[in-house]
C-alpha atoms as a PDB file:
ATOM      1  CA  MET A   1     -29.874 -44.168 -53.867  1.00  0.00           C
ATOM      2  CA  GLN A   2     -31.194 -40.890 -52.779  1.00  0.00           C
ATOM      3  CA  ASP A   3     -31.081 -39.912 -49.122  1.00  0.00           C
ATOM      4  CA  THR A   4     -34.880 -39.506 -48.963  1.00  0.00           C
ATOM      5  CA  GLN A   5     -35.629 -42.844 -50.791  1.00  0.00           C
ATOM      6  CA  LEU A   6     -33.260 -44.324 -48.128  1.00  0.00           C
ATOM      7  CA  LEU A   7     -35.025 -42.454 -45.061  1.00  0.00           C
ATOM      8  CA  PHE A   8     -38.482 -43.616 -46.442  1.00  0.00           C
ATOM      9  CA  GLU A   9     -37.332 -47.282 -46.543  1.00  0.00           C
ATOM     10  CA  GLY A  10     -35.909 -47.004 -42.894  1.00  0.00           C
ATOM     11  CA  PHE A  11     -39.288 -45.780 -41.966  1.00  0.00           C
ATOM     12  CA  ALA A  12     -40.968 -48.479 -43.617  1.00  0.00           C
ATOM     13  CA  LEU A  13     -38.686 -51.057 -42.070  1.00  0.00           C
ATOM     14  CA  MET A  14     -39.100 -49.610 -38.628  1.00  0.00           C
ATOM     15  CA  GLY A  15     -42.883 -49.447 -39.006  1.00  0.00           C
ATOM     16  CA  LEU A  16     -42.883 -53.180 -40.036  1.00  0.00           C
ATOM     17  CA  GLY A  17     -40.777 -53.953 -36.938  1.00  0.00           C
ATOM     18  CA  MET A  18     -42.967 -52.096 -34.577  1.00  0.00           C
ATOM     19  CA  GLY A  19     -46.087 -53.577 -36.235  1.00  0.00           C
ATOM     20  CA  PHE A  20     -44.733 -57.070 -35.928  1.00  0.00           C
ATOM     21  CA  VAL A  21     -43.943 -56.652 -32.045  1.00  0.00           C
ATOM     22  CA  PHE A  22     -47.227 -55.023 -31.438  1.00  0.00           C
ATOM     23  CA  VAL A  23     -49.086 -57.997 -33.036  1.00  0.00           C
ATOM     24  CA  PHE A  24     -46.944 -60.533 -31.382  1.00  0.00           C
ATOM     25  CA  LEU A  25     -47.409 -58.854 -27.759  1.00  0.00           C
ATOM     26  CA  THR A  26     -51.345 -58.787 -28.517  1.00  0.00           C
ATOM     27  CA  VAL A  27     -51.348 -62.306 -29.579  1.00  0.00           C
ATOM     28  CA  LEU A  28     -49.406 -63.291 -26.535  1.00  0.00           C
ATOM     29  CA  VAL A  29     -51.882 -61.339 -24.053  1.00  0.00           C
ATOM     30  CA  ILE A  30     -54.960 -62.936 -25.670  1.00  0.00           C
ATOM     31  CA  VAL A  31     -53.476 -66.494 -25.647  1.00  0.00           C
ATOM     32  CA  THR A  32     -52.322 -66.096 -21.926  1.00  0.00           C
ATOM     33  CA  THR A  33     -55.758 -64.721 -21.020  1.00  0.00           C
ATOM     34  CA  LEU A  34     -57.635 -67.833 -22.804  1.00  0.00           C
ATOM     35  CA  MET A  35     -55.203 -70.219 -21.201  1.00  0.00           C
ATOM     36  CA  SER A  36     -55.701 -68.978 -17.892  1.00  0.00           C
ATOM     37  CA  LYS A  37     -59.651 -68.994 -18.268  1.00  0.00           C
ATOM     38  CA  THR A  38     -59.571 -72.472 -19.646  1.00  0.00           C
ATOM     39  CA  ILE A  39     -57.395 -73.727 -16.771  1.00  0.00           C
ATOM     40  CA  GLY A  40     -59.738 -71.915 -14.199  1.00  0.00           C
ATOM     41  CA  ARG A  41     -62.874 -73.589 -15.879  1.00  0.00           C
ATOM     42  CA  PHE A  42     -61.389 -77.227 -15.743  1.00  0.00           C
ATOM     43  CA  PHE A  43     -59.558 -76.828 -12.520  1.00  0.00           C
ATOM     44  CA  PRO A  44     -61.310 -74.420 -10.228  1.00  0.00           C
ATOM     45  CA  GLU A  45     -59.480 -73.309  -6.891  1.00  0.00           C
ATOM     46  CA  SER A  46     -60.953 -75.206  -4.025  1.00  0.00           C
ATOM     47  CA  GLU A  47     -62.967 -72.799  -1.647  1.00  0.00           C
ATOM     48  CA  SER A  48     -61.278 -72.454   1.765  1.00  0.00           C
ATOM     49  CA  PRO A  49     -63.485 -72.803   4.928  1.00  0.00           C
ATOM     50  CA  ALA A  50     -64.778 -69.432   6.156  1.00  0.00           C
ATOM     51  CA  PRO A  51     -62.967 -68.759   9.681  1.00  0.00           C
ATOM     52  CA  ALA A  52     -65.340 -69.005  12.689  1.00  0.00           C
ATOM     53  CA  ALA A  53     -66.850 -65.577  13.315  1.00  0.00           C
ATOM     54  CA  THR A  54     -65.448 -65.233  16.955  1.00  0.00           C
ATOM     55  CA  GLY A  55     -64.548 -62.086  18.390  1.00  0.00           C
ATOM     56  CA  HIS A  56     -60.803 -62.958  18.967  1.00  0.00           C
ATOM     57  CA  ARG A  57     -58.418 -65.714  17.765  1.00  0.00           C
ATOM     58  CA  ARG A  58     -55.919 -67.584  19.339  1.00  0.00           C
ATOM     59  CA  PRO A  59     -52.410 -67.228  18.062  1.00  0.00           C
ATOM     60  CA  PRO A  60     -50.966 -70.331  16.713  1.00  0.00           C
ATOM     61  CA  ALA A  61     -48.934 -72.451  19.091  1.00  0.00           C
ATOM     62  CA  PRO A  62     -45.199 -72.144  18.276  1.00  0.00           C
ATOM     63  CA  ARG A  63     -43.634 -75.326  16.953  1.00  0.00           C
ATOM     64  CA  GLN A  64     -40.379 -75.814  18.786  1.00  0.00           C
ATOM     65  CA  ASP A  65     -38.345 -78.862  18.807  1.00  0.00           C
ATOM     66  CA  ASP A  66     -36.978 -79.270  22.351  1.00  0.00           C
ATOM     67  CA  ASP A  67     -33.793 -80.964  21.180  1.00  0.00           C
ATOM     68  CA  VAL A  68     -32.953 -77.978  18.961  1.00  0.00           C
ATOM     69  CA  MET A  69     -33.728 -75.288  21.512  1.00  0.00           C
ATOM     70  CA  VAL A  70     -31.439 -77.409  23.859  1.00  0.00           C
ATOM     71  CA  ALA A  71     -28.453 -77.496  21.174  1.00  0.00           C
ATOM     72  CA  ILE A  72     -28.916 -73.692  20.361  1.00  0.00           C
ATOM     73  CA  THR A  73     -28.736 -72.818  24.078  1.00  0.00           C
ATOM     74  CA  ALA A  74     -25.674 -75.072  24.606  1.00  0.00           C
ATOM     75  CA  ALA A  75     -23.949 -73.635  21.538  1.00  0.00           C
ATOM     76  CA  LEU A  76     -24.751 -70.101  22.645  1.00  0.00           C
ATOM     77  CA  HIS A  77     -23.656 -70.487  26.035  1.00  0.00           C
ATOM     78  CA  ARG A  78     -20.233 -72.168  24.875  1.00  0.00           C
ATOM     79  CA  TYR A  79     -19.686 -69.035  22.398  1.00  0.00           C
ATOM     80  CA  ARG A  80     -20.288 -66.661  25.070  1.00  0.00           C
ATOM     81  CA  ARG A  81     -18.128 -68.367  27.459  1.00  0.00           C
ATOM     82  CA  ARG A  82     -15.024 -68.352  24.667  1.00  0.00           C
ATOM     83  CA  HIS A  83     -15.628 -64.919  23.619  1.00  0.00           C
ATOM     84  CA  ARG A  84     -15.861 -62.765  26.495  1.00  0.00           C
ATOM     85  CA  ARG A  85     -15.193 -59.097  26.290  1.00  0.00           C
END
């Protein structure tokens, strides 16, 4: 086999491989887009109610369990008592 012939066959194989990858990725993007549009058509996202147009918002009340806070406080107190500097 000639070196030039081997080089041309290598380029042909490289072009075939790159073409296959390009076609596969293009088909993948198209199919993903179509699936997204199909799902969006049959299962639309529910509209969230618009917030009231007041000038200020109250911060949400913190959800703290009193038993957990007591346990954390006791553990912290005990740790500090044992590990004084």
